[in-house]
ModelCIF file with pLDDT and N, C-alpha, C, O atoms, coordinates in Angstrom:
data_MODEL
#
_entry.id   MODEL 
#
_entity.id                         1 
_entity.type                       polymer 
_entity.pdbx_number_of_molecules   1 
#
_entity_poly.entity_id                      1 
_entity_poly.type                           'polypeptide(L)' 
_entity_poly.nstd_linkage                   no 
_entity_poly.nstd_monomer                   no 
_entity_poly.pdbx_seq_one_letter_code       SDAVIINDPENIPVAGTGPYNYIFYIKNVGKESITFSS 
_entity_poly.pdbx_seq_one_letter_code_can   SDAVIINDPENIPVAGTGPYNYIFYIKNVGKESITFSS 
_entity_poly.pdbx_strand_id                 A 
#
loop_
_entity_poly_seq.entity_id 
_entity_poly_seq.num 
_entity_poly_seq.mon_id 
_entity_poly_seq.hetero 
1 1  SER n 
1 2  ASP n 
1 3  ALA n 
1 4  VAL n 
1 5  ILE n 
1 6  ILE n 
1 7  ASN n 
1 8  ASP n 
1 9  PRO n 
1 10 GLU n 
1 11 ASN n 
1 12 ILE n 
1 13 PRO n 
1 14 VAL n 
1 15 ALA n 
1 16 GLY n 
1 17 THR n 
1 18 GLY n 
1 19 PRO n 
1 20 TYR n 
1 21 ASN n 
1 22 TYR n 
1 23 ILE n 
1 24 PHE n 
1 25 TYR n 
1 26 ILE n 
1 27 LYS n 
1 28 ASN n 
1 29 VAL n 
1 30 GLY n 
1 31 LYS n 
1 32 GLU n 
1 33 SER n 
1 34 ILE n 
1 35 THR n 
1 36 PHE n 
1 37 SER n 
1 38 SER n 
#
_struct_asym.id          A 
_struct_asym.entity_id   1 
#
loop_
_ma_qa_metric.id 
_ma_qa_metric.mode 
_ma_qa_metric.name 
_ma_qa_metric.software_group_id 
_ma_qa_metric.type 
1 global pLDDT . pLDDT 
2 local  pLDDT . pLDDT 
#
_ma_qa_metric_global.metric_id      1 
_ma_qa_metric_global.metric_value   91.47 
_ma_qa_metric_global.model_id       1 
_ma_qa_metric_global.ordinal_id     1 
#
loop_
_ma_qa_metric_local.label_asym_id 
_ma_qa_metric_local.label_comp_id 
_ma_qa_metric_local.label_seq_id 
_ma_qa_metric_local.metric_id 
_ma_qa_metric_local.metric_value 
_ma_qa_metric_local.model_id 
_ma_qa_metric_local.ordinal_id 
A SER 1  2 83.00 1 1  
A ASP 2  2 88.00 1 2  
A ALA 3  2 92.00 1 3  
A VAL 4  2 94.00 1 4  
A ILE 5  2 95.00 1 5  
A ILE 6  2 95.00 1 6  
A ASN 7  2 93.00 1 7  
A ASP 8  2 93.00 1 8  
A PRO 9  2 93.00 1 9  
A GLU 10 2 93.00 1 10 
A ASN 11 2 93.00 1 11 
A ILE 12 2 94.00 1 12 
A PRO 13 2 94.00 1 13 
A VAL 14 2 93.00 1 14 
A ALA 15 2 89.00 1 15 
A GLY 16 2 84.00 1 16 
A THR 17 2 83.00 1 17 
A GLY 18 2 78.00 1 18 
A PRO 19 2 87.00 1 19 
A TYR 20 2 93.00 1 20 
A ASN 21 2 94.00 1 21 
A TYR 22 2 96.00 1 22 
A ILE 23 2 95.00 1 23 
A PHE 24 2 97.00 1 24 
A TYR 25 2 97.00 1 25 
A ILE 26 2 96.00 1 26 
A LYS 27 2 96.00 1 27 
A ASN 28 2 94.00 1 28 
A VAL 29 2 92.00 1 29 
A GLY 30 2 89.00 1 30 
A LYS 31 2 90.00 1 31 
A GLU 32 2 89.00 1 32 
A SER 33 2 91.00 1 33 
A ILE 34 2 91.00 1 34 
A THR 35 2 91.00 1 35 
A PHE 36 2 92.00 1 36 
A SER 37 2 91.00 1 37 
A SER 38 2 88.00 1 38 
#
loop_
_atom_site.group_PDB 
_atom_site.id 
_atom_site.type_symbol 
_atom_site.label_atom_id 
_atom_site.label_alt_id 
_atom_site.label_comp_id 
_atom_site.label_asym_id 
_atom_site.label_entity_id 
_atom_site.label_seq_id 
_atom_site.pdbx_PDB_ins_code 
_atom_site.Cartn_x 
_atom_site.Cartn_y 
_atom_site.Cartn_z 
_atom_site.occupancy 
_atom_site.B_iso_or_equiv 
_atom_site.pdbx_formal_charge 
_atom_site.auth_seq_id 
_atom_site.auth_comp_id 
_atom_site.auth_asym_id 
_atom_site.auth_atom_id 
_atom_site.pdbx_PDB_model_num 
ATOM 1   N N  . SER A 1 1  ? 11.948  2.384  2.841  1.00 83.00 ? 1  SER A N  1 
ATOM 2   C CA . SER A 1 1  ? 10.507  2.271  2.618  1.00 83.00 ? 1  SER A CA 1 
ATOM 3   C C  . SER A 1 1  ? 9.855   1.717  3.877  1.00 83.00 ? 1  SER A C  1 
ATOM 4   O O  . SER A 1 1  ? 10.155  0.604  4.310  1.00 83.00 ? 1  SER A O  1 
ATOM 5   N N  . ASP A 1 2  ? 8.954   2.516  4.462  1.00 88.00 ? 2  ASP A N  1 
ATOM 6   C CA . ASP A 1 2  ? 8.292   2.118  5.694  1.00 88.00 ? 2  ASP A CA 1 
ATOM 7   C C  . ASP A 1 2  ? 6.959   2.847  5.790  1.00 88.00 ? 2  ASP A C  1 
ATOM 8   O O  . ASP A 1 2  ? 6.785   3.914  5.201  1.00 88.00 ? 2  ASP A O  1 
ATOM 9   N N  . ALA A 1 3  ? 6.043   2.283  6.514  1.00 92.00 ? 3  ALA A N  1 
ATOM 10  C CA . ALA A 1 3  ? 4.727   2.887  6.697  1.00 92.00 ? 3  ALA A CA 1 
ATOM 11  C C  . ALA A 1 3  ? 4.220   2.586  8.094  1.00 92.00 ? 3  ALA A C  1 
ATOM 12  O O  . ALA A 1 3  ? 4.634   1.610  8.720  1.00 92.00 ? 3  ALA A O  1 
ATOM 13  N N  . VAL A 1 4  ? 3.322   3.431  8.577  1.00 94.00 ? 4  VAL A N  1 
ATOM 14  C CA . VAL A 1 4  ? 2.697   3.221  9.881  1.00 94.00 ? 4  VAL A CA 1 
ATOM 15  C C  . VAL A 1 4  ? 1.194   3.440  9.754  1.00 94.00 ? 4  VAL A C  1 
ATOM 16  O O  . VAL A 1 4  ? 0.734   4.187  8.891  1.00 94.00 ? 4  VAL A O  1 
ATOM 17  N N  . ILE A 1 5  ? 0.445   2.785  10.616 1.00 95.00 ? 5  ILE A N  1 
ATOM 18  C CA . ILE A 1 5  ? -1.001  2.981  10.698 1.00 95.00 ? 5  ILE A CA 1 
ATOM 19  C C  . ILE A 1 5  ? -1.235  4.071  11.733 1.00 95.00 ? 5  ILE A C  1 
ATOM 20  O O  . ILE A 1 5  ? -0.745  3.972  12.858 1.00 95.00 ? 5  ILE A O  1 
ATOM 21  N N  . ILE A 1 6  ? -1.987  5.121  11.360 1.00 95.00 ? 6  ILE A N  1 
ATOM 22  C CA . ILE A 1 6  ? -2.072  6.298  12.234 1.00 95.00 ? 6  ILE A CA 1 
ATOM 23  C C  . ILE A 1 6  ? -3.486  6.563  12.770 1.00 95.00 ? 6  ILE A C  1 
ATOM 24  O O  . ILE A 1 6  ? -3.799  7.698  13.127 1.00 95.00 ? 6  ILE A O  1 
ATOM 25  N N  . ASN A 1 7  ? -4.338  5.542  12.831 1.00 93.00 ? 7  ASN A N  1 
ATOM 26  C CA . ASN A 1 7  ? -5.692  5.716  13.375 1.00 93.00 ? 7  ASN A CA 1 
ATOM 27  C C  . ASN A 1 7  ? -5.675  5.871  14.884 1.00 93.00 ? 7  ASN A C  1 
ATOM 28  O O  . ASN A 1 7  ? -4.709  5.504  15.553 1.00 93.00 ? 7  ASN A O  1 
ATOM 29  N N  . ASP A 1 8  ? -6.758  6.420  15.406 1.00 93.00 ? 8  ASP A N  1 
ATOM 30  C CA . ASP A 1 8  ? -7.044  6.404  16.832 1.00 93.00 ? 8  ASP A CA 1 
ATOM 31  C C  . ASP A 1 8  ? -7.660  5.033  17.128 1.00 93.00 ? 8  ASP A C  1 
ATOM 32  O O  . ASP A 1 8  ? -8.723  4.725  16.589 1.00 93.00 ? 8  ASP A O  1 
ATOM 33  N N  . PRO A 1 9  ? -7.038  4.206  17.957 1.00 93.00 ? 9  PRO A N  1 
ATOM 34  C CA . PRO A 1 9  ? -7.539  2.836  18.160 1.00 93.00 ? 9  PRO A CA 1 
ATOM 35  C C  . PRO A 1 9  ? -8.914  2.766  18.838 1.00 93.00 ? 9  PRO A C  1 
ATOM 36  O O  . PRO A 1 9  ? -9.573  1.728  18.777 1.00 93.00 ? 9  PRO A O  1 
ATOM 37  N N  . GLU A 1 10 ? -9.347  3.833  19.469 1.00 93.00 ? 10 GLU A N  1 
ATOM 38  C CA . GLU A 1 10 ? -10.650 3.835  20.141 1.00 93.00 ? 10 GLU A CA 1 
ATOM 39  C C  . GLU A 1 10 ? -11.743 4.463  19.280 1.00 93.00 ? 10 GLU A C  1 
ATOM 40  O O  . GLU A 1 10 ? -12.912 4.451  19.666 1.00 93.00 ? 10 GLU A O  1 
ATOM 41  N N  . ASN A 1 11 ? -11.379 5.015  18.117 1.00 93.00 ? 11 ASN A N  1 
ATOM 42  C CA . ASN A 1 11 ? -12.356 5.733  17.295 1.00 93.00 ? 11 ASN A CA 1 
ATOM 43  C C  . ASN A 1 11 ? -12.088 5.474  15.815 1.00 93.00 ? 11 ASN A C  1 
ATOM 44  O O  . ASN A 1 11 ? -11.556 6.341  15.121 1.00 93.00 ? 11 ASN A O  1 
ATOM 45  N N  . ILE A 1 12 ? -12.447 4.300  15.335 1.00 94.00 ? 12 ILE A N  1 
ATOM 46  C CA . ILE A 1 12 ? -12.253 3.927  13.931 1.00 94.00 ? 12 ILE A CA 1 
ATOM 47  C C  . ILE A 1 12 ? -13.425 4.471  13.113 1.00 94.00 ? 12 ILE A C  1 
ATOM 48  O O  . ILE A 1 12 ? -14.577 4.180  13.433 1.00 94.00 ? 12 ILE A O  1 
ATOM 49  N N  . PRO A 1 13 ? -13.155 5.258  12.061 1.00 94.00 ? 13 PRO A N  1 
ATOM 50  C CA . PRO A 1 13 ? -14.252 5.752  11.221 1.00 94.00 ? 13 PRO A CA 1 
ATOM 51  C C  . PRO A 1 13 ? -14.981 4.588  10.535 1.00 94.00 ? 13 PRO A C  1 
ATOM 52  O O  . PRO A 1 13 ? -14.354 3.699  9.959  1.00 94.00 ? 13 PRO A O  1 
ATOM 53  N N  . VAL A 1 14 ? -16.317 4.615  10.609 1.00 93.00 ? 14 VAL A N  1 
ATOM 54  C CA . VAL A 1 14 ? -17.154 3.562  10.034 1.00 93.00 ? 14 VAL A CA 1 
ATOM 55  C C  . VAL A 1 14 ? -18.253 4.230  9.218  1.00 93.00 ? 14 VAL A C  1 
ATOM 56  O O  . VAL A 1 14 ? -18.840 5.225  9.640  1.00 93.00 ? 14 VAL A O  1 
ATOM 57  N N  . ALA A 1 15 ? -18.522 3.665  8.039  1.00 89.00 ? 15 ALA A N  1 
ATOM 58  C CA . ALA A 1 15 ? -19.598 4.166  7.192  1.00 89.00 ? 15 ALA A CA 1 
ATOM 59  C C  . ALA A 1 15 ? -20.413 2.983  6.692  1.00 89.00 ? 15 ALA A C  1 
ATOM 60  O O  . ALA A 1 15 ? -19.930 1.851  6.667  1.00 89.00 ? 15 ALA A O  1 
ATOM 61  N N  . GLY A 1 16 ? -21.668 3.255  6.289  1.00 84.00 ? 16 GLY A N  1 
ATOM 62  C CA . GLY A 1 16 ? -22.516 2.211  5.718  1.00 84.00 ? 16 GLY A CA 1 
ATOM 63  C C  . GLY A 1 16 ? -23.447 1.606  6.740  1.00 84.00 ? 16 GLY A C  1 
ATOM 64  O O  . GLY A 1 16 ? -23.393 1.923  7.928  1.00 84.00 ? 16 GLY A O  1 
ATOM 65  N N  . THR A 1 17 ? -24.311 0.717  6.246  1.00 83.00 ? 17 THR A N  1 
ATOM 66  C CA . THR A 1 17 ? -25.302 0.077  7.108  1.00 83.00 ? 17 THR A CA 1 
ATOM 67  C C  . THR A 1 17 ? -25.058 -1.413 7.250  1.00 83.00 ? 17 THR A C  1 
ATOM 68  O O  . THR A 1 17 ? -25.788 -2.077 7.986  1.00 83.00 ? 17 THR A O  1 
ATOM 69  N N  . GLY A 1 18 ? -24.099 -1.943 6.599  1.00 78.00 ? 18 GLY A N  1 
ATOM 70  C CA . GLY A 1 18 ? -23.753 -3.354 6.704  1.00 78.00 ? 18 GLY A CA 1 
ATOM 71  C C  . GLY A 1 18 ? -23.797 -4.014 5.341  1.00 78.00 ? 18 GLY A C  1 
ATOM 72  O O  . GLY A 1 18 ? -24.836 -3.968 4.682  1.00 78.00 ? 18 GLY A O  1 
ATOM 73  N N  . PRO A 1 19 ? -22.716 -4.624 4.892  1.00 87.00 ? 19 PRO A N  1 
ATOM 74  C CA . PRO A 1 19 ? -21.431 -4.609 5.589  1.00 87.00 ? 19 PRO A CA 1 
ATOM 75  C C  . PRO A 1 19 ? -20.869 -3.189 5.669  1.00 87.00 ? 19 PRO A C  1 
ATOM 76  O O  . PRO A 1 19 ? -21.126 -2.349 4.806  1.00 87.00 ? 19 PRO A O  1 
ATOM 77  N N  . TYR A 1 20 ? -20.114 -2.952 6.704  1.00 93.00 ? 20 TYR A N  1 
ATOM 78  C CA . TYR A 1 20 ? -19.621 -1.613 6.991  1.00 93.00 ? 20 TYR A CA 1 
ATOM 79  C C  . TYR A 1 20 ? -18.299 -1.337 6.279  1.00 93.00 ? 20 TYR A C  1 
ATOM 80  O O  . TYR A 1 20 ? -17.564 -2.255 5.916  1.00 93.00 ? 20 TYR A O  1 
ATOM 81  N N  . ASN A 1 21 ? -18.020 -0.057 6.091  1.00 94.00 ? 21 ASN A N  1 
ATOM 82  C CA . ASN A 1 21 ? -16.739 0.389  5.533  1.00 94.00 ? 21 ASN A CA 1 
ATOM 83  C C  . ASN A 1 21 ? -15.908 0.953  6.685  1.00 94.00 ? 21 ASN A C  1 
ATOM 84  O O  . ASN A 1 21 ? -16.207 2.030  7.201  1.00 94.00 ? 21 ASN A O  1 
ATOM 85  N N  . TYR A 1 22 ? -14.878 0.231  7.082  1.00 96.00 ? 22 TYR A N  1 
ATOM 86  C CA . TYR A 1 22 ? -13.968 0.677  8.135  1.00 96.00 ? 22 TYR A CA 1 
ATOM 87  C C  . TYR A 1 22 ? -12.789 1.376  7.469  1.00 96.00 ? 22 TYR A C  1 
ATOM 88  O O  . TYR A 1 22 ? -12.198 0.851  6.526  1.00 96.00 ? 22 TYR A O  1 
ATOM 89  N N  . ILE A 1 23 ? -12.455 2.559  7.965  1.00 95.00 ? 23 ILE A N  1 
ATOM 90  C CA . ILE A 1 23 ? -11.418 3.373  7.330  1.00 95.00 ? 23 ILE A CA 1 
ATOM 91  C C  . ILE A 1 23 ? -10.168 3.380  8.206  1.00 95.00 ? 23 ILE A C  1 
ATOM 92  O O  . ILE A 1 23 ? -10.210 3.740  9.383  1.00 95.00 ? 23 ILE A O  1 
ATOM 93  N N  . PHE A 1 24 ? -9.056  2.971  7.596  1.00 97.00 ? 24 PHE A N  1 
ATOM 94  C CA . PHE A 1 24 ? -7.762  2.974  8.275  1.00 97.00 ? 24 PHE A CA 1 
ATOM 95  C C  . PHE A 1 24 ? -6.816  3.878  7.490  1.00 97.00 ? 24 PHE A C  1 
ATOM 96  O O  . PHE A 1 24 ? -6.773  3.835  6.260  1.00 97.00 ? 24 PHE A O  1 
ATOM 97  N N  . TYR A 1 25 ? -6.060  4.695  8.219  1.00 97.00 ? 25 TYR A N  1 
ATOM 98  C CA . TYR A 1 25 ? -5.123  5.617  7.594  1.00 97.00 ? 25 TYR A CA 1 
ATOM 99  C C  . TYR A 1 25 ? -3.712  5.056  7.702  1.00 97.00 ? 25 TYR A C  1 
ATOM 100 O O  . TYR A 1 25 ? -3.298  4.582  8.760  1.00 97.00 ? 25 TYR A O  1 
ATOM 101 N N  . ILE A 1 26 ? -2.991  5.116  6.611  1.00 96.00 ? 26 ILE A N  1 
ATOM 102 C CA . ILE A 1 26 ? -1.611  4.632  6.584  1.00 96.00 ? 26 ILE A CA 1 
ATOM 103 C C  . ILE A 1 26 ? -0.735  5.755  6.050  1.00 96.00 ? 26 ILE A C  1 
ATOM 104 O O  . ILE A 1 26 ? -1.075  6.410  5.065  1.00 96.00 ? 26 ILE A O  1 
ATOM 105 N N  . LYS A 1 27 ? 0.394   5.968  6.713  1.00 96.00 ? 27 LYS A N  1 
ATOM 106 C CA . LYS A 1 27 ? 1.314   7.043  6.323  1.00 96.00 ? 27 LYS A CA 1 
ATOM 107 C C  . LYS A 1 27 ? 2.649   6.445  5.910  1.00 96.00 ? 27 LYS A C  1 
ATOM 108 O O  . LYS A 1 27 ? 3.196   5.582  6.597  1.00 96.00 ? 27 LYS A O  1 
ATOM 109 N N  . ASN A 1 28 ? 3.166   6.915  4.776  1.00 94.00 ? 28 ASN A N  1 
ATOM 110 C CA . ASN A 1 28 ? 4.493   6.510  4.320  1.00 94.00 ? 28 ASN A CA 1 
ATOM 111 C C  . ASN A 1 28 ? 5.510   7.343  5.092  1.00 94.00 ? 28 ASN A C  1 
ATOM 112 O O  . ASN A 1 28 ? 5.611   8.551  4.876  1.00 94.00 ? 28 ASN A O  1 
ATOM 113 N N  . VAL A 1 29 ? 6.258   6.716  5.982  1.00 92.00 ? 29 VAL A N  1 
ATOM 114 C CA . VAL A 1 29 ? 7.267   7.420  6.775  1.00 92.00 ? 29 VAL A CA 1 
ATOM 115 C C  . VAL A 1 29 ? 8.679   7.140  6.263  1.00 92.00 ? 29 VAL A C  1 
ATOM 116 O O  . VAL A 1 29 ? 9.661   7.498  6.912  1.00 92.00 ? 29 VAL A O  1 
ATOM 117 N N  . GLY A 1 30 ? 8.775   6.506  5.109  1.00 89.00 ? 30 GLY A N  1 
ATOM 118 C CA . GLY A 1 30 ? 10.074  6.204  4.518  1.00 89.00 ? 30 GLY A CA 1 
ATOM 119 C C  . GLY A 1 30 ? 10.522  7.291  3.552  1.00 89.00 ? 30 GLY A C  1 
ATOM 120 O O  . GLY A 1 30 ? 9.861   8.319  3.407  1.00 89.00 ? 30 GLY A O  1 
ATOM 121 N N  . LYS A 1 31 ? 11.638  7.056  2.903  1.00 90.00 ? 31 LYS A N  1 
ATOM 122 C CA . LYS A 1 31 ? 12.208  7.999  1.945  1.00 90.00 ? 31 LYS A CA 1 
ATOM 123 C C  . LYS A 1 31 ? 11.878  7.635  0.503  1.00 90.00 ? 31 LYS A C  1 
ATOM 124 O O  . LYS A 1 31 ? 12.189  8.399  -0.411 1.00 90.00 ? 31 LYS A O  1 
ATOM 125 N N  . GLU A 1 32 ? 11.248  6.471  0.283  1.00 89.00 ? 32 GLU A N  1 
ATOM 126 C CA . GLU A 1 32 ? 10.899  5.995  -1.053 1.00 89.00 ? 32 GLU A CA 1 
ATOM 127 C C  . GLU A 1 32 ? 9.384   5.857  -1.156 1.00 89.00 ? 32 GLU A C  1 
ATOM 128 O O  . GLU A 1 32 ? 8.704   5.655  -0.150 1.00 89.00 ? 32 GLU A O  1 
ATOM 129 N N  . SER A 1 33 ? 8.861   5.965  -2.369 1.00 91.00 ? 33 SER A N  1 
ATOM 130 C CA . SER A 1 33 ? 7.439   5.715  -2.598 1.00 91.00 ? 33 SER A CA 1 
ATOM 131 C C  . SER A 1 33 ? 7.151   4.234  -2.391 1.00 91.00 ? 33 SER A C  1 
ATOM 132 O O  . SER A 1 33 ? 7.986   3.381  -2.693 1.00 91.00 ? 33 SER A O  1 
ATOM 133 N N  . ILE A 1 34 ? 5.970   3.940  -1.878 1.00 91.00 ? 34 ILE A N  1 
ATOM 134 C CA . ILE A 1 34 ? 5.563   2.548  -1.731 1.00 91.00 ? 34 ILE A CA 1 
ATOM 135 C C  . ILE A 1 34 ? 4.324   2.321  -2.603 1.00 91.00 ? 34 ILE A C  1 
ATOM 136 O O  . ILE A 1 34 ? 3.474   3.200  -2.744 1.00 91.00 ? 34 ILE A O  1 
ATOM 137 N N  . THR A 1 35 ? 4.247   1.131  -3.176 1.00 91.00 ? 35 THR A N  1 
ATOM 138 C CA . THR A 1 35 ? 3.106   0.774  -4.003 1.00 91.00 ? 35 THR A CA 1 
ATOM 139 C C  . THR A 1 35 ? 1.878   0.661  -3.114 1.00 91.00 ? 35 THR A C  1 
ATOM 140 O O  . THR A 1 35 ? 1.905   -0.009 -2.082 1.00 91.00 ? 35 THR A O  1 
ATOM 141 N N  . PHE A 1 36 ? 0.805   1.322  -3.524 1.00 92.00 ? 36 PHE A N  1 
ATOM 142 C CA . PHE A 1 36 ? -0.422  1.380  -2.721 1.00 92.00 ? 36 PHE A CA 1 
ATOM 143 C C  . PHE A 1 36 ? -1.577  0.857  -3.555 1.00 92.00 ? 36 PHE A C  1 
ATOM 144 O O  . PHE A 1 36 ? -2.380  1.622  -4.089 1.00 92.00 ? 36 PHE A O  1 
ATOM 145 N N  . SER A 1 37 ? -1.642  -0.476 -3.655 1.00 91.00 ? 37 SER A N  1 
ATOM 146 C CA . SER A 1 37 ? -2.730  -1.113 -4.402 1.00 91.00 ? 37 SER A CA 1 
ATOM 147 C C  . SER A 1 37 ? -3.094  -2.415 -3.706 1.00 91.00 ? 37 SER A C  1 
ATOM 148 O O  . SER A 1 37 ? -2.310  -2.952 -2.923 1.00 91.00 ? 37 SER A O  1 
ATOM 149 N N  . SER A 1 38 ? -4.290  -2.919 -3.998 1.00 88.00 ? 38 SER A N  1 
ATOM 150 C CA . SER A 1 38 ? -4.734  -4.152 -3.342 1.00 88.00 ? 38 SER A CA 1 
ATOM 151 C C  . SER A 1 38 ? -3.924  -5.359 -3.795 1.00 88.00 ? 38 SER A C  1 
ATOM 152 O O  . SER A 1 38 ? -4.171  -6.475 -3.338 1.00 88.00 ? 38 SER A O  1 
#
């Protein structure tokens, strides 16, 4: 079970007018499912 963050570090997607919504992409690169909850 492993994951990596796959964003472009110079171009983070942002939405909203404040507070902003910053979007980060995470990819499961392991062989098992990983729990994806807050």
